[in-house]
Amino acid sequence: MINKAKLIKKVSTRVDGLTLGALSIVYDEIINAILDTLKDGEEIYLAGFGKFSVTEKKEITRITATGQTVTIPAQREPKFKFFKTAKVDFA
């Protein structure tokens, strides 16, 4: 698995002129911009990669194994879908 530090290190080998610290700031700001945009209810299209969006989940009521009724409140959930052009041959 790759984490934030390893991803930044990998990107640093492909980009000249930016320190690991600068790339870390760019990474954080991209993530924050994506989250802020989704919180505002907007979609994000990244050409050749995919689309971030938010789905609305309705309130649902479930009965547990013990017979109790539990209500799960309505909520918004982030969603990501890869574009077909982003598919990679993993074979």
C-alpha atoms as a PDB file:
ATOM      1  CA  MET A   1       0.000   0.000   0.000  1.00  0.00           C
ATOM      2  CA  ILE A   2       1.171   3.520  -0.701  1.00  0.00           C
ATOM      3  CA  ASN A   3       0.572   6.309   1.794  1.00  0.00           C
ATOM      4  CA  LYS A   4       0.773  10.090   1.518  1.00  0.00           C
ATOM      5  CA  ALA A   5       4.534  10.252   2.142  1.00  0.00           C
ATOM      6  CA  LYS A   6       5.320   7.525  -0.397  1.00  0.00           C
ATOM      7  CA  LEU A   7       3.029   9.116  -2.988  1.00  0.00           C
ATOM      8  CA  ILE A   8       4.695  12.505  -2.536  1.00  0.00           C
ATOM      9  CA  LYS A   9       8.124  10.877  -2.823  1.00  0.00           C
ATOM     10  CA  LYS A  10       7.031   9.114  -6.045  1.00  0.00           C
ATOM     11  CA  VAL A  11       5.722  12.376  -7.517  1.00  0.00           C
ATOM     12  CA  SER A  12       8.959  14.147  -6.560  1.00  0.00           C
ATOM     13  CA  THR A  13      10.889  11.845  -8.889  1.00  0.00           C
ATOM     14  CA  ARG A  14       8.741  13.079 -11.785  1.00  0.00           C
ATOM     15  CA  VAL A  15       8.710  16.810 -10.995  1.00  0.00           C
ATOM     16  CA  ASP A  16      11.802  19.000 -10.983  1.00  0.00           C
ATOM     17  CA  GLY A  17      12.112  22.100  -8.833  1.00  0.00           C
ATOM     18  CA  LEU A  18       9.690  21.229  -6.013  1.00  0.00           C
ATOM     19  CA  THR A  19      10.778  20.055  -2.587  1.00  0.00           C
ATOM     20  CA  LEU A  20       9.018  17.300  -0.676  1.00  0.00           C
ATOM     21  CA  GLY A  21       7.654  20.001   1.646  1.00  0.00           C
ATOM     22  CA  ALA A  22       6.219  21.982  -1.264  1.00  0.00           C
ATOM     23  CA  LEU A  23       4.691  18.851  -2.782  1.00  0.00           C
ATOM     24  CA  SER A  24       3.164  17.992   0.598  1.00  0.00           C
ATOM     25  CA  ILE A  25       1.509  21.418   0.705  1.00  0.00           C
ATOM     26  CA  VAL A  26       0.213  20.997  -2.854  1.00  0.00           C
ATOM     27  CA  TYR A  27      -1.151  17.542  -1.951  1.00  0.00           C
ATOM     28  CA  ASP A  28      -2.946  18.903   1.133  1.00  0.00           C
ATOM     29  CA  GLU A  29      -4.418  21.812  -0.806  1.00  0.00           C
ATOM     30  CA  ILE A  30      -5.697  19.555  -3.607  1.00  0.00           C
ATOM     31  CA  ILE A  31      -7.392  17.272  -1.075  1.00  0.00           C
ATOM     32  CA  ASN A  32      -8.890  20.282   0.753  1.00  0.00           C
ATOM     33  CA  ALA A  33     -10.130  21.794  -2.513  1.00  0.00           C
ATOM     34  CA  ILE A  34     -11.793  18.494  -3.486  1.00  0.00           C
ATOM     35  CA  LEU A  35     -13.482  18.175  -0.087  1.00  0.00           C
ATOM     36  CA  ASP A  36     -14.614  21.821  -0.036  1.00  0.00           C
ATOM     37  CA  THR A  37     -16.058  21.491  -3.533  1.00  0.00           C
ATOM     38  CA  LEU A  38     -17.952  18.321  -2.581  1.00  0.00           C
ATOM     39  CA  LYS A  39     -19.256  19.974   0.610  1.00  0.00           C
ATOM     40  CA  ASP A  40     -20.671  22.733  -1.614  1.00  0.00           C
ATOM     41  CA  GLY A  41     -22.521  20.049  -3.593  1.00  0.00           C
ATOM     42  CA  GLU A  42     -20.494  20.499  -6.771  1.00  0.00           C
ATOM     43  CA  GLU A  43     -19.042  17.728  -8.932  1.00  0.00           C
ATOM     44  CA  ILE A  44     -15.394  17.554  -9.938  1.00  0.00           C
ATOM     45  CA  TYR A  45     -14.360  16.267 -13.379  1.00  0.00           C
ATOM     46  CA  LEU A  46     -10.704  15.366 -13.821  1.00  0.00           C
ATOM     47  CA  ALA A  47     -10.169  14.854 -17.542  1.00  0.00           C
ATOM     48  CA  GLY A  48      -8.815  11.421 -18.370  1.00  0.00           C
ATOM     49  CA  PHE A  49      -9.198  10.241 -14.772  1.00  0.00           C
ATOM     50  CA  GLY A  50     -12.652  10.368 -13.191  1.00  0.00           C
ATOM     51  CA  LYS A  51     -15.467  12.241 -11.471  1.00  0.00           C
ATOM     52  CA  PHE A  52     -16.076  13.053  -7.817  1.00  0.00           C
ATOM     53  CA  SER A  53     -19.682  13.670  -6.795  1.00  0.00           C
ATOM     54  CA  VAL A  54     -21.981  13.560  -3.778  1.00  0.00           C
ATOM     55  CA  THR A  55     -24.961  11.241  -3.471  1.00  0.00           C
ATOM     56  CA  GLU A  56     -27.950  11.830  -1.223  1.00  0.00           C
ATOM     57  CA  LYS A  57     -28.907   8.852   0.943  1.00  0.00           C
ATOM     58  CA  LYS A  58     -32.480   8.767   2.271  1.00  0.00           C
ATOM     59  CA  GLU A  59     -33.318   8.094   5.895  1.00  0.00           C
ATOM     60  CA  ILE A  60     -33.904   4.381   6.434  1.00  0.00           C
ATOM     61  CA  THR A  61     -35.309   2.303   9.268  1.00  0.00           C
ATOM     62  CA  ARG A  62     -33.918  -1.131  10.039  1.00  0.00           C
ATOM     63  CA  ILE A  63     -34.776  -3.838  12.530  1.00  0.00           C
ATOM     64  CA  THR A  64     -31.799  -5.318  14.345  1.00  0.00           C
ATOM     65  CA  ALA A  65     -31.318  -8.991  15.218  1.00  0.00           C
ATOM     66  CA  THR A  66     -32.638  -8.223  18.711  1.00  0.00           C
ATOM     67  CA  GLY A  67     -35.840  -6.739  17.295  1.00  0.00           C
ATOM     68  CA  GLN A  68     -34.990  -3.115  17.977  1.00  0.00           C
ATOM     69  CA  THR A  69     -35.894  -0.503  15.388  1.00  0.00           C
ATOM     70  CA  VAL A  70     -32.961   1.680  14.362  1.00  0.00           C
ATOM     71  CA  THR A  71     -33.264   4.762  12.193  1.00  0.00           C
ATOM     72  CA  ILE A  72     -30.282   5.717  10.067  1.00  0.00           C
ATOM     73  CA  PRO A  73     -30.545   9.435   9.268  1.00  0.00           C
ATOM     74  CA  ALA A  74     -30.371  10.862   5.765  1.00  0.00           C
ATOM     75  CA  GLN A  75     -26.846  11.718   4.752  1.00  0.00           C
ATOM     76  CA  ARG A  76     -24.635  12.837   1.912  1.00  0.00           C
ATOM     77  CA  GLU A  77     -21.828  10.541   0.763  1.00  0.00           C
ATOM     78  CA  PRO A  78     -18.888  11.220  -1.542  1.00  0.00           C
ATOM     79  CA  LYS A  79     -18.582   9.045  -4.638  1.00  0.00           C
ATOM     80  CA  PHE A  80     -15.849   8.556  -7.239  1.00  0.00           C
ATOM     81  CA  LYS A  81     -16.154   7.003 -10.675  1.00  0.00           C
ATOM     82  CA  PHE A  82     -13.212   6.288 -12.971  1.00  0.00           C
ATOM     83  CA  PHE A  83     -13.592   7.310 -16.605  1.00  0.00           C
ATOM     84  CA  LYS A  84     -13.162   4.535 -19.148  1.00  0.00           C
ATOM     85  CA  THR A  85     -10.048   6.308 -20.445  1.00  0.00           C
ATOM     86  CA  ALA A  86      -8.456   5.920 -16.991  1.00  0.00           C
ATOM     87  CA  LYS A  87      -8.602   2.142 -17.045  1.00  0.00           C
ATOM     88  CA  VAL A  88      -5.174   0.582 -16.731  1.00  0.00           C
ATOM     89  CA  ASP A  89      -4.228  -2.881 -17.914  1.00  0.00           C
ATOM     90  CA  PHE A  90      -3.214  -4.555 -14.650  1.00  0.00           C
ATOM     91  CA  ALA A  91      -2.271  -7.825 -16.334  1.00  0.00           C
END
